[in-house]
Protein backbone atom coordinates (compact mmCIF):
# COMPACT_ATOMS: atom_id res chain seq x y z
CA UNK A 1 -26.00 -9.12 56.43
CA UNK A 2 -28.13 -9.19 53.15
CA UNK A 3 -29.23 -5.92 53.08
CA UNK A 4 -25.21 -4.92 53.25
CA UNK A 5 -24.40 -7.02 50.47
CA UNK A 6 -27.54 -5.58 48.44
CA UNK A 7 -26.36 -1.93 49.08
CA UNK A 8 -22.46 -3.25 48.13
CA UNK A 9 -23.75 -4.64 44.81
CA UNK A 10 -26.12 -1.33 44.06
CA UNK A 11 -23.15 0.68 44.82
CA UNK A 12 -21.01 -1.25 42.17
CA UNK A 13 -23.74 -1.29 40.02
CA UNK A 14 -24.12 2.78 40.33
CA UNK A 15 -20.39 2.88 39.90
CA UNK A 16 -20.15 0.88 36.58
CA UNK A 17 -23.29 3.08 35.40
CA UNK A 18 -21.67 6.27 35.87
CA UNK A 19 -18.38 4.85 34.65
CA UNK A 20 -20.23 4.02 31.37
CA UNK A 21 -22.02 7.44 31.10
CA UNK A 22 -18.98 9.27 31.28
CA UNK A 23 -17.18 6.76 28.65
CA UNK A 24 -20.24 7.66 26.48
CA UNK A 25 -20.02 11.34 26.83
CA UNK A 26 -16.08 11.19 25.89
CA UNK A 27 -17.17 8.77 22.83
CA UNK A 28 -19.43 11.32 21.87
CA UNK A 29 -16.84 14.39 22.18
CA UNK A 30 -14.43 11.89 20.11
CA UNK A 31 -11.99 11.80 22.84
CA UNK A 32 -11.87 8.15 21.95
CA UNK A 33 -8.15 8.03 24.29
CA UNK A 34 -10.51 8.77 27.60
CA UNK A 35 -13.63 6.76 26.61
CA UNK A 36 -11.56 3.66 25.67
CA UNK A 37 -9.84 3.72 29.04
CA UNK A 38 -13.09 4.01 30.75
CA UNK A 39 -14.82 0.98 28.63
CA UNK A 40 -11.98 -1.21 29.18
CA UNK A 41 -12.20 -0.77 32.86
CA UNK A 42 -15.70 -1.31 33.02
CA UNK A 43 -15.34 -4.55 30.41
CA UNK A 44 -12.68 -5.71 33.21
CA UNK A 45 -15.59 -5.63 35.89
CA UNK A 46 -18.24 -6.64 33.58
CA UNK A 47 -16.82 -8.96 30.39
CA UNK A 48 -19.85 -9.97 29.14
CA UNK A 49 -21.19 -6.43 28.27
CA UNK A 50 -21.16 -6.69 24.40
CA UNK A 51 -22.35 -3.11 23.88
CA UNK A 52 -19.45 -1.97 25.68
CA UNK A 53 -16.98 -4.37 23.74
CA UNK A 54 -18.21 -2.41 20.61
CA UNK A 55 -17.85 0.55 21.93
CA UNK A 56 -14.24 -0.03 22.53
CA UNK A 57 -13.80 -1.36 19.51
CA UNK A 58 -14.81 1.29 17.76
CA UNK A 59 -12.30 3.82 19.96
CA UNK A 60 -10.03 1.48 18.69
CA UNK A 61 -10.89 1.82 15.09
CA UNK A 62 -10.99 5.52 15.55
CA UNK A 63 -7.63 5.76 17.11
CA UNK A 64 -6.49 3.57 13.95
CA UNK A 65 -5.06 1.18 16.48
CA UNK A 66 -6.63 -1.46 14.05
CA UNK A 67 -4.77 -4.52 15.38
CA UNK A 68 -6.46 -3.61 18.98
CA UNK A 69 -10.01 -3.16 17.03
CA UNK A 70 -9.92 -6.30 15.32
CA UNK A 71 -8.51 -8.25 18.57
CA UNK A 72 -12.07 -6.92 20.60
CA UNK A 73 -14.34 -7.83 17.22
CA UNK A 74 -12.64 -11.23 17.42
CA UNK A 75 -13.45 -11.34 21.24
CA UNK A 76 -16.91 -10.20 20.76
CA UNK A 77 -17.63 -13.10 17.67
CA UNK A 78 -16.10 -15.69 19.48
CA UNK A 79 -18.86 -15.51 22.07
CA UNK A 80 -21.19 -16.26 19.57
CA UNK A 81 -22.39 -12.57 18.66
CA UNK A 82 -23.19 -11.34 15.00
CA UNK A 83 -21.80 -7.66 14.19
CA UNK A 84 -23.85 -4.57 13.34
CA UNK A 85 -23.56 -3.39 10.04
CA UNK A 86 -21.21 0.01 10.71
CA UNK A 87 -18.85 -2.83 13.08
CA UNK A 88 -19.20 -5.39 10.50
CA UNK A 89 -17.67 -2.93 7.77
CA UNK A 90 -15.07 -1.88 10.32
CA UNK A 91 -14.12 -4.97 11.13
CA UNK A 92 -13.60 -5.68 7.37
CA UNK A 93 -11.31 -3.13 7.04
CA UNK A 94 -9.25 -3.61 10.33
CA UNK A 95 -8.59 -6.62 8.71
CA UNK A 96 -7.36 -5.37 5.24
CA UNK A 97 -5.11 -3.18 7.13
CA UNK A 98 -3.25 -6.12 8.96
CA UNK A 99 -3.50 -7.88 5.79
CA UNK A 100 -5.44 -10.22 6.59
CA UNK A 101 -7.41 -10.60 3.40
CA UNK A 102 -9.07 -13.87 3.53
CA UNK A 103 -10.76 -12.41 6.88
CA UNK A 104 -11.63 -9.15 5.42
CA UNK A 105 -13.38 -10.31 2.31
CA UNK A 106 -15.53 -12.51 4.33
CA UNK A 107 -17.06 -9.86 6.43
CA UNK A 108 -16.83 -7.39 3.32
CA UNK A 109 -19.14 -10.11 1.83
CA UNK A 110 -21.67 -10.12 4.58
CA UNK A 111 -21.60 -6.49 5.03
CA UNK A 112 -22.37 -6.54 0.87
CA UNK A 113 -25.49 -9.16 1.44
CA UNK A 114 -26.84 -6.21 4.17
CA UNK A 115 -26.33 -3.64 1.40
CA UNK A 116 -26.65 -4.74 -1.91
CA UNK A 117 -26.05 -1.29 -3.49
CA UNK A 118 -23.30 -0.33 -1.53
CA UNK A 119 -20.58 0.70 -4.19
CA UNK A 120 -18.29 1.29 -2.09
CA UNK A 121 -17.92 -1.97 -0.47
CA UNK A 122 -18.41 -3.36 -4.15
CA UNK A 123 -15.21 -1.95 -5.36
CA UNK A 124 -13.41 -2.80 -2.41
CA UNK A 125 -14.27 -6.45 -2.48
CA UNK A 126 -12.94 -6.37 -6.41
CA UNK A 127 -9.56 -4.89 -5.16
CA UNK A 128 -8.98 -7.39 -2.53
CA UNK A 129 -9.39 -10.13 -5.37
CA UNK A 130 -6.95 -7.88 -7.72
CA UNK A 131 -4.63 -6.53 -5.27
CA UNK A 132 -1.47 -7.75 -7.61
CA UNK A 133 -2.17 -5.03 -10.10
CA UNK A 134 -1.25 -2.50 -7.44
CA UNK A 135 2.01 -3.90 -6.67
CA UNK A 136 2.88 -4.22 -10.88
CA UNK A 137 5.20 -0.98 -10.91
CA UNK A 138 6.48 -1.29 -7.47
CA UNK A 139 10.18 -2.06 -8.73
CA UNK A 140 10.05 1.45 -10.00
CA UNK A 141 9.69 3.19 -6.87
CA UNK A 142 12.07 4.36 -3.69
CA UNK A 143 10.44 5.16 -0.79
CA UNK A 144 12.57 6.07 2.35
CA UNK A 145 11.73 7.42 5.81
CA UNK A 146 13.93 10.73 6.51
CA UNK A 147 15.51 11.75 9.54
CA UNK A 148 13.16 14.45 10.84
CA UNK A 149 10.78 12.57 12.29
CA UNK A 150 10.10 11.92 16.24
CA UNK A 151 7.88 9.41 17.90
CA UNK A 152 4.98 12.31 17.41
CA UNK A 153 3.37 13.21 14.35
CA UNK A 154 5.09 14.84 11.53
CA UNK A 155 2.66 15.16 8.17
CA UNK A 156 2.13 17.34 5.39
CA UNK A 157 5.11 18.47 3.76
CA UNK A 158 5.59 21.35 1.84
CA UNK A 159 8.86 22.58 -0.54
CA UNK A 160 9.70 25.96 -0.12
CA UNK A 161 12.72 27.23 -1.29
CA UNK A 162 15.23 25.00 0.07
CA UNK A 163 13.34 24.23 3.09
CA UNK A 164 10.84 21.81 3.55
CA UNK A 165 7.64 23.04 5.64
CA UNK A 166 5.81 20.44 7.70
CA UNK A 167 3.11 20.05 10.11
CA UNK A 168 3.96 17.92 13.75
CA UNK A 169 2.92 17.99 17.40
CA UNK A 170 6.29 16.89 18.54
CA UNK A 171 7.18 18.16 22.21
CA UNK A 172 8.92 21.56 22.41
CA UNK A 173 10.85 23.01 25.40
CA UNK A 174 8.29 25.13 26.81
CA UNK A 175 7.80 26.80 30.60
CA UNK A 176 4.07 26.10 29.60
CA UNK A 177 2.98 23.40 27.19
CA UNK A 178 -0.66 23.55 25.66
CA UNK A 179 -1.82 20.23 25.26
CA UNK A 180 -4.66 18.63 23.20
CA UNK A 181 -6.72 17.04 25.65
CA UNK A 182 -8.24 14.42 23.07
CA UNK A 183 -4.59 13.51 21.83
CA UNK A 184 -2.72 14.23 25.05
CA UNK A 185 -0.17 15.74 22.83
CA UNK A 186 0.64 19.41 22.13
CA UNK A 187 -1.31 20.69 19.39
CA UNK A 188 -0.10 20.59 15.78
CA UNK A 189 2.11 23.51 14.57
CA UNK A 190 4.26 24.48 11.50
CA UNK A 191 7.91 23.70 11.22
CA UNK A 192 10.44 23.79 9.05
CA UNK A 193 14.08 22.33 8.12
CA UNK A 194 16.53 23.22 5.56
CA UNK A 195 17.78 20.69 3.08
CA UNK A 196 20.66 19.82 0.69
CA UNK A 197 21.69 16.49 -1.69
CA UNK A 198 23.97 14.14 0.13
CA UNK A 199 24.38 11.20 -2.03
CA UNK A 200 26.35 9.31 1.04
CA UNK A 201 22.74 9.17 2.64
CA UNK A 202 19.97 6.37 1.59
CA UNK A 203 17.74 9.05 1.01
CA UNK A 204 19.91 11.43 -0.74
CA UNK A 205 19.08 14.21 1.11
CA UNK A 206 20.39 15.50 4.60
CA UNK A 207 18.43 17.63 6.56
CA UNK A 208 19.15 20.63 9.16
CA UNK A 209 17.40 20.63 12.15
CA UNK A 210 13.92 21.27 12.47
CA UNK A 211 12.65 24.89 13.50
CA UNK A 212 9.24 26.84 14.46
CA UNK A 213 8.04 28.17 11.03
CA UNK A 214 5.53 31.42 10.52
CA UNK A 215 5.26 31.31 14.06
CA UNK A 216 3.48 34.75 14.21
CA UNK A 217 0.42 33.06 12.56
CA UNK A 218 0.16 30.18 15.32
CA UNK A 219 -3.26 29.51 16.74
CA UNK A 220 -3.35 28.40 20.51
CA UNK A 221 -4.65 25.09 19.10
CA UNK A 222 -3.81 23.73 15.69
CA UNK A 223 -2.26 25.13 13.11
CA UNK A 224 -1.24 23.79 9.50
CA UNK A 225 -1.81 21.85 6.81
CA UNK A 226 -0.30 24.77 4.56
CA UNK A 227 0.02 25.84 0.77
CA UNK A 228 2.40 28.39 -0.94
CA UNK A 229 1.66 30.67 -4.07
CA UNK A 230 2.44 33.59 -6.14
CA UNK A 231 6.27 32.64 -5.83
CA UNK A 232 6.10 31.64 -2.27
CA UNK A 233 5.20 35.19 -0.95
CA UNK A 234 1.54 34.08 -0.12
CA UNK A 235 0.31 31.26 1.90
CA UNK A 236 -3.14 29.44 2.50
CA UNK A 237 -3.35 27.26 5.58
CA UNK A 238 -5.33 25.69 8.19
CA UNK A 239 -6.00 26.77 11.57
CA UNK A 240 -7.99 26.39 14.38
CA UNK A 241 -11.09 29.18 15.04
CA UNK A 242 -10.42 30.80 18.28
CA UNK A 243 -14.04 30.76 19.62
CA UNK A 244 -15.98 27.60 20.38
CA UNK A 245 -18.99 26.78 18.60
CA UNK A 246 -22.05 25.46 20.08
CA UNK A 247 -21.12 22.25 20.91
CA UNK A 248 -18.08 23.30 22.70
CA UNK A 249 -15.76 22.57 20.14
CA UNK A 250 -13.24 24.39 17.80
CA UNK A 251 -13.61 24.10 14.02
CA UNK A 252 -10.62 24.28 11.29
CA UNK A 253 -10.90 27.12 8.91
CA UNK A 254 -8.86 28.35 5.85
CA UNK A 255 -6.69 31.91 6.12
CA UNK A 256 -4.47 33.57 3.81
CA UNK A 257 -1.02 35.30 4.60
CA UNK A 258 1.56 36.92 3.02
CA UNK A 259 5.23 37.60 3.17
CA UNK A 260 5.89 41.03 4.71
CA UNK A 261 9.82 41.35 4.39
CA UNK A 262 10.87 38.20 6.39
CA UNK A 263 7.83 38.04 8.16
CA UNK A 264 4.45 36.53 7.55
CA UNK A 265 1.25 38.62 8.05
CA UNK A 266 -1.93 37.19 8.27
CA UNK A 267 -4.47 38.55 5.77
CA UNK A 268 -8.18 37.66 6.05
CA UNK A 269 -9.52 34.45 6.44
CA UNK A 270 -11.79 32.41 3.70
CA UNK A 271 -15.19 33.81 3.74
CA UNK A 272 -16.78 30.48 4.25
CA UNK A 273 -15.01 29.12 7.35
CA UNK A 274 -17.83 28.14 9.72
CA UNK A 275 -18.57 27.00 12.92
CA UNK A 276 -20.78 24.14 11.67
CA UNK A 277 -18.21 22.34 9.73
CA UNK A 278 -14.30 22.07 9.37
CA UNK A 279 -11.61 22.78 6.59
CA UNK A 280 -9.35 20.06 7.00
CA UNK A 281 -6.91 20.48 4.38
CA UNK A 282 -6.14 22.61 1.11
CA UNK A 283 -4.07 22.75 -1.99
CA UNK A 284 -3.87 26.36 -4.04
CA UNK A 285 -2.64 27.01 -7.99
CA UNK A 286 0.13 28.95 -8.71
CA UNK A 287 -1.31 31.89 -9.58
CA UNK A 288 -4.06 31.70 -6.17
CA UNK A 289 -7.42 31.68 -8.05
CA UNK A 290 -8.36 27.90 -7.66
CA UNK A 291 -8.26 25.69 -4.61
CA UNK A 292 -9.48 22.56 -3.54
CA UNK A 293 -9.82 21.26 0.23
CA UNK A 294 -11.57 18.72 2.07
CA UNK A 295 -14.48 19.38 4.21
CA UNK A 296 -17.30 18.05 6.56
CA UNK A 297 -19.64 20.51 5.10
CA UNK A 298 -23.26 18.89 5.53
CA UNK A 299 -24.10 18.65 2.11
CA UNK A 300 -21.46 15.98 0.94
CA UNK A 301 -21.66 12.38 0.24
CA UNK A 302 -20.20 11.54 3.59
CA UNK A 303 -17.44 11.71 5.47
CA UNK A 304 -15.10 14.32 4.55
CA UNK A 305 -15.48 15.35 0.55
CA UNK A 306 -13.15 16.99 -1.60
CA UNK A 307 -14.66 20.94 -2.66
CA UNK A 308 -13.23 23.63 -4.96
CA UNK A 309 -13.32 27.33 -4.71
CA UNK A 310 -12.32 29.92 -7.14
CA UNK A 311 -11.42 33.52 -7.16
CA UNK A 312 -13.05 36.11 -9.33
CA UNK A 313 -12.74 40.01 -9.16
CA UNK A 314 -10.68 39.17 -5.71
CA UNK A 315 -13.89 37.30 -4.38
CA UNK A 316 -13.93 33.99 -3.56
CA UNK A 317 -16.71 31.41 -4.61
CA UNK A 318 -18.97 29.16 -2.56
CA UNK A 319 -17.48 25.62 -1.95
CA UNK A 320 -18.73 23.08 -5.14
CA UNK A 321 -18.61 19.98 -4.08
CA UNK A 322 -16.46 18.01 -6.86
CA UNK A 323 -18.54 14.95 -6.29
CA UNK A 324 -18.34 11.52 -7.86
CA UNK A 325 -16.00 10.06 -9.24
CA UNK A 326 -13.63 11.43 -6.54
CA UNK A 327 -15.81 11.47 -3.58
CA UNK A 328 -17.53 8.65 -1.94
CA UNK A 329 -19.56 8.11 1.34
CA UNK A 330 -16.68 7.71 3.23
CA UNK A 331 -13.28 10.01 3.44
CA UNK A 332 -11.55 11.88 1.03
CA UNK A 333 -9.00 14.07 2.10
CA UNK A 334 -5.67 15.78 1.47
CA UNK A 335 -5.84 16.95 -1.84
CA UNK A 336 -2.64 17.94 -3.78
CA UNK A 337 -2.47 20.11 -7.34
CA UNK A 338 0.03 18.61 -9.37
CA UNK A 339 0.20 19.91 -13.28
CA UNK A 340 -3.01 19.00 -14.64
CA UNK A 341 -3.66 16.24 -11.91
CA UNK A 342 -5.59 16.25 -8.56
CA UNK A 343 -4.05 13.92 -6.12
CA UNK A 344 -5.62 13.19 -3.10
CA UNK A 345 -6.67 10.04 -0.17
CA UNK A 346 -9.16 8.07 0.21
CA UNK A 347 -10.82 5.34 2.35
CA UNK A 348 -13.75 4.86 0.26
CA UNK A 349 -11.80 4.13 -3.12
CA UNK A 350 -10.95 0.41 -3.24
CA UNK A 351 -6.83 0.46 -1.98
CA UNK A 352 -4.68 -1.75 0.24
CA UNK A 353 -6.28 -0.53 3.36
CA UNK A 354 -7.01 2.60 5.28
CA UNK A 355 -5.97 5.72 3.62
CA UNK A 356 -4.52 5.20 0.11
CA UNK A 357 -3.17 7.84 -2.47
CA UNK A 358 -5.17 8.48 -5.89
CA UNK A 359 -4.83 10.63 -8.45
CA UNK A 360 -7.28 11.99 -11.10
CA UNK A 361 -6.85 14.25 -14.49
CA UNK A 362 -8.28 17.32 -13.96
CA UNK A 363 -10.15 18.03 -17.44
CA UNK A 364 -12.87 20.93 -18.25
CA UNK A 365 -16.13 20.28 -16.45
CA UNK A 366 -15.31 17.03 -15.30
CA UNK A 367 -12.96 14.48 -13.85
CA UNK A 368 -11.05 11.64 -15.47
CA UNK A 369 -10.88 7.84 -14.22
CA UNK A 370 -9.60 7.78 -10.30
CA UNK A 371 -6.00 5.79 -10.05
CA UNK A 372 -4.40 4.14 -7.22
CA UNK A 373 -1.11 4.93 -7.36
CA UNK A 374 0.13 1.77 -6.01
CA UNK A 375 2.71 0.29 -3.85
CA UNK A 376 4.80 1.21 -2.49
CA UNK A 377 3.73 5.21 -2.32
CA UNK A 378 0.64 3.03 -0.85
CA UNK A 379 0.40 1.41 1.92
CA UNK A 380 -2.07 -0.91 3.89
CA UNK A 381 -1.73 1.69 6.40
CA UNK A 382 -2.82 5.37 5.84
CA UNK A 383 -1.03 7.12 3.02
CA UNK A 384 -1.84 10.87 2.33
CA UNK A 385 -0.10 14.63 2.24
CA UNK A 386 1.71 13.86 -1.29
CA UNK A 387 4.14 16.60 -2.54
CA UNK A 388 6.50 16.66 -5.77
CA UNK A 389 9.14 18.42 -6.74
CA UNK A 390 9.20 20.29 -9.90
CA UNK A 391 10.32 17.87 -11.90
CA UNK A 392 6.82 15.16 -10.43
CA UNK A 393 9.63 12.59 -10.47
CA UNK A 394 10.38 12.44 -6.67
CA UNK A 395 9.01 14.07 -3.66
CA UNK A 396 7.63 13.31 0.04
CA UNK A 397 4.65 11.86 1.50
CA UNK A 398 3.15 10.69 5.17
CA UNK A 399 2.37 7.65 6.42
CA UNK A 400 1.89 5.80 9.59
CA UNK A 401 2.89 2.27 8.23
CA UNK A 402 5.94 2.29 10.74
CA UNK A 403 4.02 2.96 13.95
CA UNK A 404 0.32 3.14 13.12
CA UNK A 405 -1.79 5.04 15.14
CA UNK A 406 -1.46 8.44 15.03
CA UNK A 407 2.57 8.49 14.49
CA UNK A 408 2.59 9.79 11.05
CA UNK A 409 5.83 10.04 9.55
CA UNK A 410 7.51 11.73 6.39
CA UNK A 411 8.45 9.72 3.88
CA UNK A 412 11.04 10.98 0.53
CA UNK A 413 9.81 8.69 -2.81
CA UNK A 414 11.53 8.63 -6.11
CA UNK A 415 9.33 7.80 -9.13
CA UNK A 416 10.05 5.45 -12.34
CA UNK A 417 13.55 4.09 -10.96
CA UNK A 418 14.93 2.00 -13.75
CA UNK A 419 14.60 -1.77 -12.61
CA UNK A 420 17.20 -4.25 -13.83
CA UNK A 421 18.36 -6.25 -16.27
CA UNK A 422 16.63 -4.04 -18.74
CA UNK A 423 17.21 -3.97 -22.84
CA UNK A 424 18.49 -1.32 -25.13
CA UNK A 425 18.09 -1.46 -28.62
CA UNK A 426 20.07 0.91 -31.36
CA UNK A 427 21.56 0.58 -34.89
CA UNK A 428 25.26 0.84 -35.49
CA UNK A 429 26.66 2.78 -38.72
CA UNK A 430 30.22 3.92 -39.53
CA UNK A 431 31.78 6.17 -41.96
CA UNK A 432 35.49 5.97 -43.21
CA UNK A 433 36.26 9.61 -42.96
CA UNK A 434 34.98 12.73 -41.23
CA UNK A 435 35.00 14.51 -44.33
CA UNK A 436 32.51 11.78 -45.71
CA UNK A 437 29.23 13.00 -46.95
CA UNK A 438 26.27 12.54 -44.55
CA UNK A 439 25.19 9.79 -47.53
CA UNK A 440 28.31 8.18 -46.99
CA UNK A 441 26.75 6.58 -43.38
CA UNK A 442 26.90 2.85 -43.90
CA UNK A 443 24.98 0.37 -41.59
CA UNK A 444 27.35 -1.86 -40.12
CA UNK A 445 26.61 -5.28 -40.08
CA UNK A 446 27.36 -8.51 -38.51
CA UNK A 447 30.06 -6.58 -36.16
CA UNK A 448 30.38 -7.45 -32.32
CA UNK A 449 29.60 -5.46 -29.92
CA UNK A 450 30.47 -5.51 -26.05
CA UNK A 451 28.79 -4.03 -22.92
CA UNK A 452 31.27 -3.00 -20.42
CA UNK A 453 31.20 -1.93 -17.24
CA UNK A 454 33.70 1.21 -17.03
CA UNK A 455 34.27 0.81 -13.31
CA UNK A 456 35.62 -2.34 -13.63
CA UNK A 457 36.67 -2.52 -17.19
CA UNK A 458 34.79 -6.14 -17.49
CA UNK A 459 32.58 -7.22 -20.68
CA UNK A 460 28.91 -7.80 -19.07
CA UNK A 461 27.34 -8.49 -22.05
CA UNK A 462 28.17 -9.67 -25.81
CA UNK A 463 26.15 -9.57 -28.94
CA UNK A 464 26.12 -8.99 -33.12
CA UNK A 465 24.67 -6.52 -35.01
CA UNK A 466 22.03 -7.86 -37.92
CA UNK A 467 22.51 -7.17 -41.47
CA UNK A 468 21.07 -3.72 -40.88
CA UNK A 469 23.15 -2.79 -38.19
CA UNK A 470 20.56 -3.21 -35.55
CA UNK A 471 21.45 -4.65 -31.91
CA UNK A 472 20.01 -4.80 -28.80
CA UNK A 473 21.95 -5.21 -25.21
CA UNK A 474 20.81 -6.18 -21.55
CA UNK A 475 22.11 -3.89 -19.03
CA UNK A 476 22.12 -6.19 -15.96
CA UNK A 477 22.49 -3.55 -13.21
CA UNK A 478 23.49 0.18 -12.58
CA UNK A 479 26.68 1.27 -13.72
CA UNK A 480 28.33 3.47 -15.76
CA UNK A 481 28.78 1.83 -19.39
CA UNK A 482 30.25 2.40 -22.97
CA UNK A 483 29.90 0.28 -25.86
CA UNK A 484 33.01 -1.61 -27.22
CA UNK A 485 32.58 -2.75 -31.27
CA UNK A 486 35.00 -4.83 -32.75
CA UNK A 487 35.53 -5.05 -36.24
CA UNK A 488 36.82 -7.72 -38.66
CA UNK A 489 40.11 -6.91 -38.29
CA UNK A 490 40.01 -6.98 -34.38
CA UNK A 491 40.29 -3.38 -34.12
CA UNK A 492 38.32 -2.09 -31.15
CA UNK A 493 36.09 1.30 -31.33
CA UNK A 494 34.05 2.53 -28.09
CA UNK A 495 30.94 4.77 -27.97
CA UNK A 496 29.72 6.64 -24.91
CA UNK A 497 26.85 4.99 -23.01
CA UNK A 498 24.40 6.67 -20.62
CA UNK A 499 22.13 5.04 -18.55
CA UNK A 500 19.69 7.16 -16.79
CA UNK A 501 18.54 6.34 -12.94
CA UNK A 502 15.01 7.39 -14.16
CA UNK A 503 13.11 4.71 -16.43
CA UNK A 504 12.49 5.98 -20.02
CA UNK A 505 10.86 4.47 -22.85
CA UNK A 506 12.98 2.51 -25.38
CA UNK A 507 14.73 4.97 -27.64
CA UNK A 508 16.72 3.86 -30.16
CA UNK A 509 20.65 4.74 -29.45
CA UNK A 510 22.32 5.84 -32.25
CA UNK A 511 26.22 4.55 -32.54
CA UNK A 512 28.01 6.50 -35.59
CA UNK A 513 31.74 5.80 -35.70
CA UNK A 514 34.60 7.56 -38.24
CA UNK A 515 36.98 5.23 -38.45
CA UNK A 516 39.78 7.37 -39.51
CA UNK A 517 39.36 9.41 -36.19
CA UNK A 518 40.27 6.10 -34.25
CA UNK A 519 43.22 5.00 -36.59
CA UNK A 520 44.65 8.30 -36.20
CA UNK A 521 44.26 7.98 -32.60
CA UNK A 522 45.54 4.67 -32.52
CA UNK A 523 48.76 5.75 -34.53
CA UNK A 524 49.40 8.31 -32.31
CA UNK A 525 49.55 6.34 -29.38
C-alpha cells in the first residue's frame, strides 16, 4: 500500500514537472496564453510554488492583462516574498496602468534603491508626482472611438484618399482560416474603409463597411502596418518573412510596393531585413527618401528602438539608431512623421502608464526635447499609431483603453478644441459716412456692447467700451453670435462675430461701424 502511494506521488510529481517543462517551453517561445494556462493549472495543484507564480504574473504582464498580473504579484507578496528586480518594476508598471499610484510609487522607489542609476525609473517616479501636467490641456482635445472597431484588434490607421487604411486580425468568413497560434486569432492583415463627414454622428464622420486592402501583397502570416508616399502611388509596409529563422520563428521586415493601375505590385524588400531581428512599424516622408522604424536590432539601447534610414542614389542606408533622448532601455515604437516632428510611443519615457504617445522636434543632426502629448490622447493603457490629417488639427490613434489586452481600437481625435467660457477682446470704431477718409475713423468710447446668441436672440453678455473704444467679452458657450452696439441715442448697430471651433490666439477683433449705412437701412424699412 505504501509502495502504491509512493508510485502515485511520483506519478503526480512527474506530471507536474512535465507540465512545467512544457509551460517553460511555451514561455520561451513567447506563447504567453498557452504558458499561462499551464502555469495556472500547475499552481492549482501546488499553490506554494512561488517561482511558478512569478512566471504566471509575467505571462499576464506580457499579455497586457495588468489586472491579473497585479493580482498574482499581490498573492506572491502576501506570502511574505520579496519581488525580484525585474518583477518589482513590472508590478509598479502594472499598478500605474491600474491608476494605483501610491502602490506604483512605492515599488518604483524600491526598484530605484536596487538600481540607483536607472534614469528610466527616476523619470517615472518624477512623473507620478507630477501627473497633473499631463492633464493641463485635456479640455482642448476630443477623443472618440469609431464605428469600424470589433472585439479583435484594429490599429495603426493611415489616411489614404477618402479612405482609412488600417491593420486588423478580425475574423473573416473563409473556408480555411490561418490562425496565429500564440494569440489564437487570425493573422493581421490590411483593411480599408471609405469615410465621409457627417455632423449628426458623435465623431463627425461615418464609415463604409471595411474590406480587404492590397490583398495582392498579403503574407500568409502578418501584414502591416503601412505608410504611403509619392502622392499615394507608393507604399512601404511591414510583413512576416516567408521562411523561419534558426529558432523556428518568423521575423518582420519592410517591403516596398507601387500602384499599377488599380493593383498594388511588390517592388522589392528593404535590403536590411534580417532573420535576426524584426522591423515592427514604419513611417516615410513624402518623397520616399527618409524612413523611421522601430526594431529590436541587437545594438539597441534595449527592447525596441527607433532607427532611421535614408535613400541616396536609389540605395537605402544601413539603419542608424537615433539614440537618446528618444530611445530608452525599454520600448520605443510606432514612429510617425508629421511636418518637422517625429511622433512615437514609448513605455520607457515617463507617462500615464504602458505605451504613451510622445513627440520630438527634428532638428539638423539632433532632436529636441521629448514631450508627452498628454491626456486624453494618452491614457493609462497603450496608446500608439497616431495619424494626423493635412492640417494637423485632427486625426486617429490606437488604444486598448476600453478593454485592455490586445483588443486595440481606433479612435478619432480633434485637437485644440475651444473651451468655454473664454474671453475675446477688440476695439470699436466708427465713421459718420461711407465716403469719409480713413483718417476720420474714430474710437467709439463709453458705448454699450452686447454679445447676442443668434439662435435664441438673447443677450448673453454686456459690457462698455473704454475711452479708447477697447472692449472685452466673455463667450459663455459654443454658438453663433453677433455683437450689438447701442449708441447714446439708443440706436442699435450689429456686427458679425465668428467663433471658431478650434482654439486660436486671442486676436484683436476690430469693429468699424459706418453710421449712415445703418441709418439709411433703418429709414428704408
